Amino acid sequence: MICTCRDCGRTVLCGVPHPRCVCGSQQIAVVPHEVEANPAWVGIVSYFRTSEDTGVGDTVQRYAAMLGGELFKAWAKKLGMPCGCTTRQKEWNLRYPYTAPHDQQQSSSH
């Protein structure tokens, strides 16, 4: 479920125990979000999905890991700040899920 932080207005994944915004607030409100057309980048990312990916978050995570995601996490940890990767991956999987099986999506895009 997608919610909104009452303090800063950011979108927050609230389907987890004790949801918290990246701003540190636990003041999370369940606010219905309008269903909007997927941004163009979602279509581009979905082209690179694998059959194991449940949504855009999984695809982005896999490519970020290949491009040095673990180095960024280590750097962020040294600075004492969360990278937010896991939360973002879950949020994007909820917001931009892959509904059609991978082979159907690929054949319909050609």
C-alpha atoms as a PDB file:
ATOM      1  CA  MET A   1       0.000   0.000   0.000  1.00  0.00           C
ATOM      2  CA  ILE A   2       1.269   3.460  -0.837  1.00  0.00           C
ATOM      3  CA  CYS A   3       0.846   6.228   1.750  1.00  0.00           C
ATOM      4  CA  THR A   4       1.970   9.808   2.305  1.00  0.00           C
ATOM      5  CA  CYS A   5       4.190  11.328   5.000  1.00  0.00           C
ATOM      6  CA  ARG A   6       2.225  13.963   6.903  1.00  0.00           C
ATOM      7  CA  ASP A   7       5.375  15.973   7.629  1.00  0.00           C
ATOM      8  CA  CYS A   8       7.074  16.246   4.232  1.00  0.00           C
ATOM      9  CA  GLY A   9       4.498  14.899   1.750  1.00  0.00           C
ATOM     10  CA  ARG A  10       6.719  12.154   0.301  1.00  0.00           C
ATOM     11  CA  THR A  11       5.219   8.896  -0.906  1.00  0.00           C
ATOM     12  CA  VAL A  12       5.876   6.109   1.614  1.00  0.00           C
ATOM     13  CA  LEU A  13       5.529   2.336   1.407  1.00  0.00           C
ATOM     14  CA  CYS A  14       3.221   1.540   4.330  1.00  0.00           C
ATOM     15  CA  GLY A  15       2.646  -2.185   3.838  1.00  0.00           C
ATOM     16  CA  VAL A  16       5.519  -2.881   6.245  1.00  0.00           C
ATOM     17  CA  PRO A  17       5.589  -2.943  10.048  1.00  0.00           C
ATOM     18  CA  HIS A  18       6.286   0.509  11.539  1.00  0.00           C
ATOM     19  CA  PRO A  19       6.488   2.525   8.311  1.00  0.00           C
ATOM     20  CA  ARG A  20       8.882   5.460   8.397  1.00  0.00           C
ATOM     21  CA  CYS A  21       9.596   8.159   5.859  1.00  0.00           C
ATOM     22  CA  VAL A  22      13.138   8.966   4.740  1.00  0.00           C
ATOM     23  CA  CYS A  23      12.709  12.295   6.573  1.00  0.00           C
ATOM     24  CA  GLY A  24      12.486  10.259   9.808  1.00  0.00           C
ATOM     25  CA  SER A  25       8.810  10.882  10.446  1.00  0.00           C
ATOM     26  CA  GLN A  26       6.448   8.117  11.484  1.00  0.00           C
ATOM     27  CA  GLN A  27       3.428  10.332  10.793  1.00  0.00           C
ATOM     28  CA  ILE A  28       2.157   8.333   7.831  1.00  0.00           C
ATOM     29  CA  ALA A  29      -1.305   8.828   6.349  1.00  0.00           C
ATOM     30  CA  VAL A  30      -3.157   6.433   4.092  1.00  0.00           C
ATOM     31  CA  VAL A  31      -4.093   8.701   1.220  1.00  0.00           C
ATOM     32  CA  PRO A  32      -5.607   7.276  -1.946  1.00  0.00           C
ATOM     33  CA  HIS A  33      -3.254   7.950  -4.819  1.00  0.00           C
ATOM     34  CA  GLU A  34      -4.691   8.560  -8.250  1.00  0.00           C
ATOM     35  CA  VAL A  35      -3.828   5.929 -10.775  1.00  0.00           C
ATOM     36  CA  GLU A  36      -1.664   7.652 -13.309  1.00  0.00           C
ATOM     37  CA  ALA A  37      -0.149   6.520 -16.544  1.00  0.00           C
ATOM     38  CA  ASN A  38       3.270   5.009 -16.058  1.00  0.00           C
ATOM     39  CA  PRO A  39       6.147   7.398 -16.768  1.00  0.00           C
ATOM     40  CA  ALA A  40       8.124   6.677 -19.930  1.00  0.00           C
ATOM     41  CA  TRP A  41      11.134   5.410 -17.947  1.00  0.00           C
ATOM     42  CA  VAL A  42       9.004   2.568 -16.536  1.00  0.00           C
ATOM     43  CA  GLY A  43       8.426   1.242 -20.046  1.00  0.00           C
ATOM     44  CA  ILE A  44      12.126   1.455 -20.820  1.00  0.00           C
ATOM     45  CA  VAL A  45      13.118  -0.331 -17.597  1.00  0.00           C
ATOM     46  CA  SER A  46      10.487  -3.043 -18.104  1.00  0.00           C
ATOM     47  CA  TYR A  47      12.120  -3.973 -21.399  1.00  0.00           C
ATOM     48  CA  PHE A  48      15.111  -5.270 -19.385  1.00  0.00           C
ATOM     49  CA  ARG A  49      13.094  -7.382 -16.934  1.00  0.00           C
ATOM     50  CA  THR A  50      13.662 -11.063 -16.268  1.00  0.00           C
ATOM     51  CA  SER A  51      11.031 -13.679 -15.498  1.00  0.00           C
ATOM     52  CA  GLU A  52      11.936 -13.431 -11.783  1.00  0.00           C
ATOM     53  CA  ASP A  53      11.193  -9.684 -11.564  1.00  0.00           C
ATOM     54  CA  THR A  54       7.834  -8.850  -9.975  1.00  0.00           C
ATOM     55  CA  GLY A  55       8.027  -5.143 -10.801  1.00  0.00           C
ATOM     56  CA  VAL A  56      10.206  -2.258 -11.900  1.00  0.00           C
ATOM     57  CA  GLY A  57      11.922  -2.129  -8.493  1.00  0.00           C
ATOM     58  CA  ASP A  58      13.456  -5.576  -8.998  1.00  0.00           C
ATOM     59  CA  THR A  59      14.790  -4.664 -12.434  1.00  0.00           C
ATOM     60  CA  VAL A  60      16.289  -1.362 -11.261  1.00  0.00           C
ATOM     61  CA  GLN A  61      17.849  -3.058  -8.217  1.00  0.00           C
ATOM     62  CA  ARG A  62      19.559  -5.685 -10.370  1.00  0.00           C
ATOM     63  CA  TYR A  63      21.097  -3.077 -12.690  1.00  0.00           C
ATOM     64  CA  ALA A  64      22.038  -0.758  -9.810  1.00  0.00           C
ATOM     65  CA  ALA A  65      23.892  -3.651  -8.169  1.00  0.00           C
ATOM     66  CA  MET A  66      25.836  -4.234 -11.383  1.00  0.00           C
ATOM     67  CA  LEU A  67      26.754  -0.534 -11.550  1.00  0.00           C
ATOM     68  CA  GLY A  68      28.105  -0.273  -7.995  1.00  0.00           C
ATOM     69  CA  GLY A  69      25.047  -0.234  -5.753  1.00  0.00           C
ATOM     70  CA  GLU A  70      26.926  -1.982  -2.946  1.00  0.00           C
ATOM     71  CA  LEU A  71      29.647   0.700  -3.053  1.00  0.00           C
ATOM     72  CA  PHE A  72      26.997   3.406  -2.686  1.00  0.00           C
ATOM     73  CA  LYS A  73      25.412   1.564   0.262  1.00  0.00           C
ATOM     74  CA  ALA A  74      28.794   1.307   2.007  1.00  0.00           C
ATOM     75  CA  TRP A  75      29.485   5.006   1.379  1.00  0.00           C
ATOM     76  CA  ALA A  76      26.046   6.022   2.695  1.00  0.00           C
ATOM     77  CA  LYS A  77      26.541   3.865   5.796  1.00  0.00           C
ATOM     78  CA  LYS A  78      29.875   5.572   6.537  1.00  0.00           C
ATOM     79  CA  LEU A  79      28.102   8.924   6.359  1.00  0.00           C
ATOM     80  CA  GLY A  80      25.385   7.628   8.695  1.00  0.00           C
ATOM     81  CA  MET A  81      22.556   7.946   6.197  1.00  0.00           C
ATOM     82  CA  PRO A  82      20.256   5.251   4.852  1.00  0.00           C
ATOM     83  CA  CYS A  83      20.450   4.549   1.139  1.00  0.00           C
ATOM     84  CA  GLY A  84      16.723   3.721   0.941  1.00  0.00           C
ATOM     85  CA  CYS A  85      17.303   1.065  -1.717  1.00  0.00           C
ATOM     86  CA  THR A  86      15.199  -1.709  -0.200  1.00  0.00           C
ATOM     87  CA  THR A  87      12.277   0.605   0.541  1.00  0.00           C
ATOM     88  CA  ARG A  88      12.443   2.123  -2.947  1.00  0.00           C
ATOM     89  CA  GLN A  89      12.589  -1.329  -4.557  1.00  0.00           C
ATOM     90  CA  LYS A  90       9.456  -2.435  -2.668  1.00  0.00           C
ATOM     91  CA  GLU A  91       7.668   0.851  -3.388  1.00  0.00           C
ATOM     92  CA  TRP A  92       8.414   0.694  -7.127  1.00  0.00           C
ATOM     93  CA  ASN A  93       7.351  -2.970  -7.272  1.00  0.00           C
ATOM     94  CA  LEU A  94       4.010  -1.973  -5.728  1.00  0.00           C
ATOM     95  CA  ARG A  95       3.592   1.123  -7.874  1.00  0.00           C
ATOM     96  CA  TYR A  96       4.810  -0.389 -11.170  1.00  0.00           C
ATOM     97  CA  PRO A  97       4.164  -4.149 -11.047  1.00  0.00           C
ATOM     98  CA  TYR A  98       4.629  -6.424 -14.028  1.00  0.00           C
ATOM     99  CA  THR A  99       1.161  -7.805 -14.694  1.00  0.00           C
ATOM    100  CA  ALA A 100       1.785  -9.799 -17.872  1.00  0.00           C
ATOM    101  CA  PRO A 101       4.243 -12.698 -17.974  1.00  0.00           C
ATOM    102  CA  HIS A 102       7.618 -11.645 -19.380  1.00  0.00           C
ATOM    103  CA  ASP A 103       7.215 -13.456 -22.721  1.00  0.00           C
ATOM    104  CA  GLN A 104       3.772 -11.895 -23.345  1.00  0.00           C
ATOM    105  CA  GLN A 105       5.046  -8.404 -22.584  1.00  0.00           C
ATOM    106  CA  GLN A 106       7.999  -8.763 -24.941  1.00  0.00           C
ATOM    107  CA  SER A 107       5.861 -10.104 -27.816  1.00  0.00           C
ATOM    108  CA  SER A 108       3.231  -7.385 -27.424  1.00  0.00           C
ATOM    109  CA  SER A 109       5.826  -4.591 -27.502  1.00  0.00           C
ATOM    110  CA  HIS A 110       7.065  -5.537 -30.993  1.00  0.00           C
END
